[in-house]
Amino acid sequence: MRFKTFFSNLMAAALLANCTPEESGKTVPNTPAGALAKNVRYLALGDSYTIGTAIGKENSYASLLADSLESRSEIDSVYLKIIAQNGWTTGDLQTGINQTQPDSSFDLVSLLIGVNNQYQKRSLQEYEREFRALLLKSITLAQGRKERVLVLSIPDWGSTPAGAANRSQIAQEIDTFNAVNQALSDSLGVSYYNITPISRTAVQDSSLVANDDLHFSKEMHALWLNKIFDSVAKQVLD
């Protein structure tokens, strides 16, 4: 996102600041395909939402998901690797994966990408092509198991103060991009979690917005976790 007003440029600085893909947790042995995942390897692919911009990586939905999975008695440990940067589009994420070259041994892969495609007015055709490639790559990285991949819908940043001036238009465009990623997820049999309606509750609740008035707070990320956790835990343990 690159906002053209002074206020918006200030907000966007947090989104676009360079950072390297991150990982956390300890290395654990690979889990053979089909085995109960006692030691879980989790790869989170995305952008500023995945990296926890403005709230800290430890408060992002990806870290909260890893911590919650590790709290399950059936799971001994969770290794979390994040490939994400502020401001990334689908094309940027493709480049980041190519540069990082993760192996194909993950027990769980999440994918949330597209908000910067929407803001930068990139075409739906490009998004559809690149998102499909990313989704297929995610399946490969999950040892070829589509049932171990989850897609999260794009949150609606128009629900934050930074998007208030164009809230309706942003919402319509976000819905259009989400229609693409949901259709692709459904066509490939990948679990899809619609967190966009939750993100829109920030209009009525300022506690769900981060201090930069652009990203969402740790409380919002916790709501996203609550939406997906039971189903994702079942995905991992099945």
C-alpha atoms as a PDB file:
ATOM      1  CA  MET A   1       0.000   0.000   0.000  1.00  0.00           C
ATOM      2  CA  ARG A   2       1.342   3.440  -0.832  1.00  0.00           C
ATOM      3  CA  PHE A   3      -0.970   6.177   0.411  1.00  0.00           C
ATOM      4  CA  LYS A   4      -0.715   9.584  -1.263  1.00  0.00           C
ATOM      5  CA  THR A   5      -1.592  11.850   1.648  1.00  0.00           C
ATOM      6  CA  PHE A   6       0.899  12.650   4.379  1.00  0.00           C
ATOM      7  CA  PHE A   7      -1.156  10.766   6.941  1.00  0.00           C
ATOM      8  CA  SER A   8      -1.481   7.728   4.763  1.00  0.00           C
ATOM      9  CA  ASN A   9       2.202   7.705   3.843  1.00  0.00           C
ATOM     10  CA  LEU A  10       2.965   7.593   7.540  1.00  0.00           C
ATOM     11  CA  MET A  11       0.642   4.653   7.959  1.00  0.00           C
ATOM     12  CA  ALA A  12       2.026   2.849   4.950  1.00  0.00           C
ATOM     13  CA  ALA A  13       5.602   3.131   6.174  1.00  0.00           C
ATOM     14  CA  ALA A  14       4.899   0.379   8.655  1.00  0.00           C
ATOM     15  CA  LEU A  15       3.374  -1.799   5.936  1.00  0.00           C
ATOM     16  CA  LEU A  16       6.173  -1.383   3.426  1.00  0.00           C
ATOM     17  CA  ALA A  17       9.214  -1.313   5.711  1.00  0.00           C
ATOM     18  CA  ASN A  18      11.719  -3.900   4.599  1.00  0.00           C
ATOM     19  CA  CYS A  19      12.228  -6.937   6.774  1.00  0.00           C
ATOM     20  CA  THR A  20      13.520 -10.383   6.091  1.00  0.00           C
ATOM     21  CA  PRO A  21      11.388 -13.525   6.179  1.00  0.00           C
ATOM     22  CA  GLU A  22      11.389 -14.819   9.726  1.00  0.00           C
ATOM     23  CA  GLU A  23      11.157 -18.115  11.489  1.00  0.00           C
ATOM     24  CA  SER A  24      10.771 -19.174  15.079  1.00  0.00           C
ATOM     25  CA  GLY A  25      10.649 -22.305  17.172  1.00  0.00           C
ATOM     26  CA  LYS A  26      13.078 -25.185  17.195  1.00  0.00           C
ATOM     27  CA  THR A  27      13.952 -27.576  14.439  1.00  0.00           C
ATOM     28  CA  VAL A  28      12.055 -30.838  14.702  1.00  0.00           C
ATOM     29  CA  PRO A  29      12.238 -34.064  12.721  1.00  0.00           C
ATOM     30  CA  ASN A  30      10.189 -34.301   9.554  1.00  0.00           C
ATOM     31  CA  THR A  31       6.867 -36.066  10.007  1.00  0.00           C
ATOM     32  CA  PRO A  32       6.289 -38.849   7.477  1.00  0.00           C
ATOM     33  CA  ALA A  33       3.253 -38.351   5.252  1.00  0.00           C
ATOM     34  CA  GLY A  34       0.172 -39.836   6.902  1.00  0.00           C
ATOM     35  CA  ALA A  35       1.739 -40.041  10.377  1.00  0.00           C
ATOM     36  CA  LEU A  36       0.276 -38.331  13.448  1.00  0.00           C
ATOM     37  CA  ALA A  37       2.015 -34.974  13.643  1.00  0.00           C
ATOM     38  CA  LYS A  38       3.435 -34.962  17.168  1.00  0.00           C
ATOM     39  CA  ASN A  39       6.158 -32.556  16.060  1.00  0.00           C
ATOM     40  CA  VAL A  40       4.478 -30.058  13.778  1.00  0.00           C
ATOM     41  CA  ARG A  41       6.247 -28.036  11.112  1.00  0.00           C
ATOM     42  CA  TYR A  42       4.156 -24.993  10.199  1.00  0.00           C
ATOM     43  CA  LEU A  43       4.882 -22.628   7.296  1.00  0.00           C
ATOM     44  CA  ALA A  44       3.003 -19.301   7.181  1.00  0.00           C
ATOM     45  CA  LEU A  45       3.029 -17.465   3.842  1.00  0.00           C
ATOM     46  CA  GLY A  46       1.789 -13.913   3.465  1.00  0.00           C
ATOM     47  CA  ASP A  47       2.341 -10.212   3.998  1.00  0.00           C
ATOM     48  CA  SER A  48       2.075  -7.699   6.868  1.00  0.00           C
ATOM     49  CA  TYR A  49      -0.821  -9.537   8.501  1.00  0.00           C
ATOM     50  CA  THR A  50       1.241 -12.717   8.717  1.00  0.00           C
ATOM     51  CA  ILE A  51       4.310 -10.932  10.040  1.00  0.00           C
ATOM     52  CA  GLY A  52       2.321  -8.991  12.644  1.00  0.00           C
ATOM     53  CA  THR A  53       3.160  -5.466  11.534  1.00  0.00           C
ATOM     54  CA  ALA A  54       2.417  -2.858  14.236  1.00  0.00           C
ATOM     55  CA  ILE A  55       1.674  -5.502  16.882  1.00  0.00           C
ATOM     56  CA  GLY A  56       4.751  -7.734  16.871  1.00  0.00           C
ATOM     57  CA  LYS A  57       5.219 -11.130  15.277  1.00  0.00           C
ATOM     58  CA  GLU A  58       4.347 -12.889  18.524  1.00  0.00           C
ATOM     59  CA  ASN A  59       0.817 -11.444  18.337  1.00  0.00           C
ATOM     60  CA  SER A  60       0.126 -12.332  14.711  1.00  0.00           C
ATOM     61  CA  TYR A  61      -2.426 -14.995  13.851  1.00  0.00           C
ATOM     62  CA  ALA A  62       0.401 -17.256  12.625  1.00  0.00           C
ATOM     63  CA  SER A  63       2.266 -17.158  15.934  1.00  0.00           C
ATOM     64  CA  LEU A  64      -0.955 -17.476  17.906  1.00  0.00           C
ATOM     65  CA  LEU A  65      -1.879 -20.522  15.846  1.00  0.00           C
ATOM     66  CA  ALA A  66       1.523 -22.119  16.441  1.00  0.00           C
ATOM     67  CA  ASP A  67       1.323 -21.453  20.191  1.00  0.00           C
ATOM     68  CA  SER A  68      -2.217 -22.795  20.409  1.00  0.00           C
ATOM     69  CA  LEU A  69      -1.332 -25.954  18.521  1.00  0.00           C
ATOM     70  CA  GLU A  70       1.632 -26.513  20.820  1.00  0.00           C
ATOM     71  CA  SER A  71      -0.681 -26.254  23.815  1.00  0.00           C
ATOM     72  CA  ARG A  72      -2.587 -29.323  22.614  1.00  0.00           C
ATOM     73  CA  SER A  73      -1.704 -32.452  24.556  1.00  0.00           C
ATOM     74  CA  GLU A  74      -1.427 -34.452  21.324  1.00  0.00           C
ATOM     75  CA  ILE A  75       1.370 -32.198  20.012  1.00  0.00           C
ATOM     76  CA  ASP A  76       4.850 -32.132  21.474  1.00  0.00           C
ATOM     77  CA  SER A  77       6.287 -29.122  19.671  1.00  0.00           C
ATOM     78  CA  VAL A  78       5.625 -26.707  16.823  1.00  0.00           C
ATOM     79  CA  TYR A  79       8.255 -25.256  14.519  1.00  0.00           C
ATOM     80  CA  LEU A  80       7.036 -22.065  12.841  1.00  0.00           C
ATOM     81  CA  LYS A  81       8.598 -20.612   9.715  1.00  0.00           C
ATOM     82  CA  ILE A  82       7.249 -17.376   8.272  1.00  0.00           C
ATOM     83  CA  ILE A  83       7.852 -16.170   4.735  1.00  0.00           C
ATOM     84  CA  ALA A  84       6.249 -12.744   4.620  1.00  0.00           C
ATOM     85  CA  GLN A  85       7.090  -9.074   4.352  1.00  0.00           C
ATOM     86  CA  ASN A  86       5.235  -5.832   4.667  1.00  0.00           C
ATOM     87  CA  GLY A  87       3.728  -4.691   1.385  1.00  0.00           C
ATOM     88  CA  TRP A  88       4.113  -7.979  -0.449  1.00  0.00           C
ATOM     89  CA  THR A  89       1.857  -8.794  -3.379  1.00  0.00           C
ATOM     90  CA  THR A  90       1.385 -12.299  -4.763  1.00  0.00           C
ATOM     91  CA  GLY A  91       4.351 -11.721  -7.073  1.00  0.00           C
ATOM     92  CA  ASP A  92       6.540 -10.587  -4.192  1.00  0.00           C
ATOM     93  CA  LEU A  93       5.597 -13.673  -2.196  1.00  0.00           C
ATOM     94  CA  GLN A  94       6.514 -15.886  -5.137  1.00  0.00           C
ATOM     95  CA  THR A  95       9.920 -14.212  -5.242  1.00  0.00           C
ATOM     96  CA  GLY A  96      10.331 -14.585  -1.483  1.00  0.00           C
ATOM     97  CA  ILE A  97       9.604 -18.308  -1.632  1.00  0.00           C
ATOM     98  CA  ASN A  98      12.041 -18.740  -4.515  1.00  0.00           C
ATOM     99  CA  GLN A  99      14.746 -16.917  -2.586  1.00  0.00           C
ATOM    100  CA  THR A 100      14.111 -18.728   0.703  1.00  0.00           C
ATOM    101  CA  GLN A 101      13.701 -22.162  -0.898  1.00  0.00           C
ATOM    102  CA  PRO A 102      11.814 -23.906   1.917  1.00  0.00           C
ATOM    103  CA  ASP A 103      11.751 -27.681   1.782  1.00  0.00           C
ATOM    104  CA  SER A 104       8.597 -29.720   1.246  1.00  0.00           C
ATOM    105  CA  SER A 105       8.365 -31.222   4.714  1.00  0.00           C
ATOM    106  CA  PHE A 106       5.721 -29.060   6.394  1.00  0.00           C
ATOM    107  CA  ASP A 107       2.758 -30.518   8.241  1.00  0.00           C
ATOM    108  CA  LEU A 108       0.742 -27.310   7.843  1.00  0.00           C
ATOM    109  CA  VAL A 109       0.918 -24.399   5.401  1.00  0.00           C
ATOM    110  CA  SER A 110      -1.206 -21.250   5.616  1.00  0.00           C
ATOM    111  CA  LEU A 111      -1.621 -18.674   2.852  1.00  0.00           C
ATOM    112  CA  LEU A 112      -2.997 -15.151   3.245  1.00  0.00           C
ATOM    113  CA  ILE A 113      -2.085 -12.746   0.437  1.00  0.00           C
ATOM    114  CA  GLY A 114      -3.732 -10.113  -1.725  1.00  0.00           C
ATOM    115  CA  VAL A 115      -4.352  -6.886   0.179  1.00  0.00           C
ATOM    116  CA  ASN A 116      -1.452  -5.167  -1.561  1.00  0.00           C
ATOM    117  CA  ASN A 117      -2.629  -6.434  -4.944  1.00  0.00           C
ATOM    118  CA  GLN A 118      -5.913  -4.686  -4.197  1.00  0.00           C
ATOM    119  CA  TYR A 119      -4.330  -1.435  -3.036  1.00  0.00           C
ATOM    120  CA  GLN A 120      -1.886  -1.249  -5.924  1.00  0.00           C
ATOM    121  CA  LYS A 121      -4.766  -1.749  -8.373  1.00  0.00           C
ATOM    122  CA  ARG A 122      -3.160  -4.835  -9.824  1.00  0.00           C
ATOM    123  CA  SER A 123      -5.380  -6.867 -12.099  1.00  0.00           C
ATOM    124  CA  LEU A 124      -7.593  -9.731 -11.019  1.00  0.00           C
ATOM    125  CA  GLN A 125      -6.170 -11.783 -13.882  1.00  0.00           C
ATOM    126  CA  GLU A 126      -2.672 -11.400 -12.479  1.00  0.00           C
ATOM    127  CA  TYR A 127      -3.908 -12.179  -8.985  1.00  0.00           C
ATOM    128  CA  GLU A 128      -5.738 -15.293 -10.125  1.00  0.00           C
ATOM    129  CA  ARG A 129      -2.691 -16.576 -12.008  1.00  0.00           C
ATOM    130  CA  GLU A 130      -0.214 -15.882  -9.222  1.00  0.00           C
ATOM    131  CA  PHE A 131      -2.488 -17.001  -6.386  1.00  0.00           C
ATOM    132  CA  ARG A 132      -3.116 -20.300  -8.146  1.00  0.00           C
ATOM    133  CA  ALA A 133       0.641 -20.828  -8.463  1.00  0.00           C
ATOM    134  CA  LEU A 134       1.118 -19.995  -4.788  1.00  0.00           C
ATOM    135  CA  LEU A 135      -1.639 -22.374  -3.766  1.00  0.00           C
ATOM    136  CA  LEU A 136      -0.155 -25.213  -5.796  1.00  0.00           C
ATOM    137  CA  LYS A 137       3.250 -24.440  -4.283  1.00  0.00           C
ATOM    138  CA  SER A 138       1.698 -24.485  -0.808  1.00  0.00           C
ATOM    139  CA  ILE A 139       0.364 -27.984  -1.443  1.00  0.00           C
ATOM    140  CA  THR A 140       3.812 -29.101  -2.566  1.00  0.00           C
ATOM    141  CA  LEU A 141       5.394 -27.606   0.564  1.00  0.00           C
ATOM    142  CA  ALA A 142       2.839 -29.485   2.674  1.00  0.00           C
ATOM    143  CA  GLN A 143       4.248 -32.777   1.401  1.00  0.00           C
ATOM    144  CA  GLY A 144       1.671 -32.794  -1.362  1.00  0.00           C
ATOM    145  CA  ARG A 145      -1.220 -32.978   1.108  1.00  0.00           C
ATOM    146  CA  LYS A 146      -3.892 -30.442   0.212  1.00  0.00           C
ATOM    147  CA  GLU A 147      -5.710 -31.261   3.438  1.00  0.00           C
ATOM    148  CA  ARG A 148      -2.792 -29.695   5.326  1.00  0.00           C
ATOM    149  CA  VAL A 149      -3.116 -26.331   3.552  1.00  0.00           C
ATOM    150  CA  LEU A 150      -5.375 -23.495   4.657  1.00  0.00           C
ATOM    151  CA  VAL A 151      -6.232 -20.230   2.958  1.00  0.00           C
ATOM    152  CA  LEU A 152      -7.381 -17.177   4.894  1.00  0.00           C
ATOM    153  CA  SER A 153      -9.436 -14.514   3.153  1.00  0.00           C
ATOM    154  CA  ILE A 154      -8.046 -10.996   2.785  1.00  0.00           C
ATOM    155  CA  PRO A 155      -9.014  -8.759   5.725  1.00  0.00           C
ATOM    156  CA  ASP A 156     -10.685  -5.458   4.874  1.00  0.00           C
ATOM    157  CA  TRP A 157      -8.280  -2.640   5.733  1.00  0.00           C
ATOM    158  CA  GLY A 158     -11.026  -0.190   4.775  1.00  0.00           C
ATOM    159  CA  SER A 159     -12.445  -0.891   8.229  1.00  0.00           C
ATOM    160  CA  THR A 160      -9.502   0.940   9.800  1.00  0.00           C
ATOM    161  CA  PRO A 161      -9.213   4.742  10.120  1.00  0.00           C
ATOM    162  CA  ALA A 162      -6.703   4.726   7.254  1.00  0.00           C
ATOM    163  CA  GLY A 163      -9.368   3.426   4.899  1.00  0.00           C
ATOM    164  CA  ALA A 164     -12.327   5.412   6.167  1.00  0.00           C
ATOM    165  CA  ALA A 165     -12.455   7.837   3.228  1.00  0.00           C
ATOM    166  CA  ASN A 166     -12.942   5.044   0.686  1.00  0.00           C
ATOM    167  CA  ARG A 167     -14.464   2.332   2.873  1.00  0.00           C
ATOM    168  CA  SER A 168     -17.200   1.215   0.481  1.00  0.00           C
ATOM    169  CA  GLN A 169     -14.949   0.980  -2.570  1.00  0.00           C
ATOM    170  CA  ILE A 170     -12.245  -0.875  -0.657  1.00  0.00           C
ATOM    171  CA  ALA A 171     -14.819  -3.356   0.638  1.00  0.00           C
ATOM    172  CA  GLN A 172     -16.104  -4.059  -2.859  1.00  0.00           C
ATOM    173  CA  GLU A 173     -12.593  -4.600  -4.209  1.00  0.00           C
ATOM    174  CA  ILE A 174     -11.579  -6.821  -1.292  1.00  0.00           C
ATOM    175  CA  ASP A 175     -14.702  -8.933  -1.892  1.00  0.00           C
ATOM    176  CA  THR A 176     -13.769  -9.300  -5.557  1.00  0.00           C
ATOM    177  CA  PHE A 177     -10.262 -10.507  -4.752  1.00  0.00           C
ATOM    178  CA  ASN A 178     -11.622 -12.863  -2.102  1.00  0.00           C
ATOM    179  CA  ALA A 179     -14.062 -14.352  -4.593  1.00  0.00           C
ATOM    180  CA  VAL A 180     -11.029 -15.319  -6.679  1.00  0.00           C
ATOM    181  CA  ASN A 181      -9.025 -16.884  -3.865  1.00  0.00           C
ATOM    182  CA  GLN A 182     -12.045 -18.761  -2.515  1.00  0.00           C
ATOM    183  CA  ALA A 183     -12.948 -20.166  -5.927  1.00  0.00           C
ATOM    184  CA  LEU A 184      -9.375 -21.370  -6.434  1.00  0.00           C
ATOM    185  CA  SER A 185      -9.240 -22.887  -2.950  1.00  0.00           C
ATOM    186  CA  ASP A 186     -12.528 -24.694  -3.498  1.00  0.00           C
ATOM    187  CA  SER A 187     -11.457 -25.960  -6.920  1.00  0.00           C
ATOM    188  CA  LEU A 188      -8.293 -27.496  -5.449  1.00  0.00           C
ATOM    189  CA  GLY A 189      -9.982 -28.864  -2.338  1.00  0.00           C
ATOM    190  CA  VAL A 190      -8.110 -26.596   0.077  1.00  0.00           C
ATOM    191  CA  SER A 191      -9.696 -25.432   3.342  1.00  0.00           C
ATOM    192  CA  TYR A 192     -10.827 -21.802   3.180  1.00  0.00           C
ATOM    193  CA  TYR A 193     -11.477 -19.554   6.177  1.00  0.00           C
ATOM    194  CA  ASN A 194     -13.425 -16.345   5.673  1.00  0.00           C
ATOM    195  CA  ILE A 195     -12.090 -13.890   8.254  1.00  0.00           C
ATOM    196  CA  THR A 196     -13.110 -10.777   6.309  1.00  0.00           C
ATOM    197  CA  PRO A 197     -16.433 -10.239   8.132  1.00  0.00           C
ATOM    198  CA  ILE A 198     -14.539 -10.309  11.431  1.00  0.00           C
ATOM    199  CA  SER A 199     -12.122  -7.656  10.177  1.00  0.00           C
ATOM    200  CA  ARG A 200     -15.066  -5.382   9.360  1.00  0.00           C
ATOM    201  CA  THR A 201     -16.179  -5.301  12.999  1.00  0.00           C
ATOM    202  CA  ALA A 202     -13.266  -2.915  13.588  1.00  0.00           C
ATOM    203  CA  VAL A 203     -15.513  -0.109  12.338  1.00  0.00           C
ATOM    204  CA  GLN A 204     -17.483  -0.376  15.585  1.00  0.00           C
ATOM    205  CA  ASP A 205     -14.629  -1.429  17.884  1.00  0.00           C
ATOM    206  CA  SER A 206     -11.441   0.639  17.907  1.00  0.00           C
ATOM    207  CA  SER A 207      -9.699  -1.927  20.127  1.00  0.00           C
ATOM    208  CA  LEU A 208      -9.468  -4.149  17.051  1.00  0.00           C
ATOM    209  CA  VAL A 209      -7.241  -1.621  15.253  1.00  0.00           C
ATOM    210  CA  ALA A 210      -3.485  -1.345  15.849  1.00  0.00           C
ATOM    211  CA  ASN A 211      -1.913   1.883  17.031  1.00  0.00           C
ATOM    212  CA  ASP A 212      -0.860   2.818  13.491  1.00  0.00           C
ATOM    213  CA  ASP A 213      -4.553   3.091  12.470  1.00  0.00           C
ATOM    214  CA  LEU A 214      -3.858   0.892   9.445  1.00  0.00           C
ATOM    215  CA  HIS A 215      -3.276  -2.650  10.652  1.00  0.00           C
ATOM    216  CA  PHE A 216      -5.341  -4.764  13.008  1.00  0.00           C
ATOM    217  CA  SER A 217      -4.634  -5.245  16.699  1.00  0.00           C
ATOM    218  CA  LYS A 218      -3.583  -8.379  18.521  1.00  0.00           C
ATOM    219  CA  GLU A 219      -7.202  -8.674  19.710  1.00  0.00           C
ATOM    220  CA  MET A 220      -8.337  -8.904  16.092  1.00  0.00           C
ATOM    221  CA  HIS A 221      -5.709 -11.541  15.321  1.00  0.00           C
ATOM    222  CA  ALA A 222      -6.990 -13.498  18.328  1.00  0.00           C
ATOM    223  CA  LEU A 223     -10.511 -13.364  16.853  1.00  0.00           C
ATOM    224  CA  TRP A 224      -9.154 -14.763  13.592  1.00  0.00           C
ATOM    225  CA  LEU A 225      -7.496 -17.553  15.554  1.00  0.00           C
ATOM    226  CA  ASN A 226     -10.761 -18.354  17.313  1.00  0.00           C
ATOM    227  CA  LYS A 227     -12.448 -18.630  13.917  1.00  0.00           C
ATOM    228  CA  ILE A 228      -9.985 -21.141  12.507  1.00  0.00           C
ATOM    229  CA  PHE A 229      -8.360 -23.004  15.388  1.00  0.00           C
ATOM    230  CA  ASP A 230     -10.641 -25.986  15.977  1.00  0.00           C
ATOM    231  CA  SER A 231     -10.779 -26.853  12.288  1.00  0.00           C
ATOM    232  CA  VAL A 232      -7.054 -26.341  11.755  1.00  0.00           C
ATOM    233  CA  ALA A 233      -6.154 -28.480  14.767  1.00  0.00           C
ATOM    234  CA  LYS A 234      -8.320 -31.235  13.306  1.00  0.00           C
ATOM    235  CA  GLN A 235      -6.540 -30.813   9.959  1.00  0.00           C
ATOM    236  CA  VAL A 236      -3.169 -31.278  11.616  1.00  0.00           C
ATOM    237  CA  LEU A 237      -4.162 -34.229  13.783  1.00  0.00           C
ATOM    238  CA  ASP A 238      -6.236 -36.184  11.267  1.00  0.00           C
END
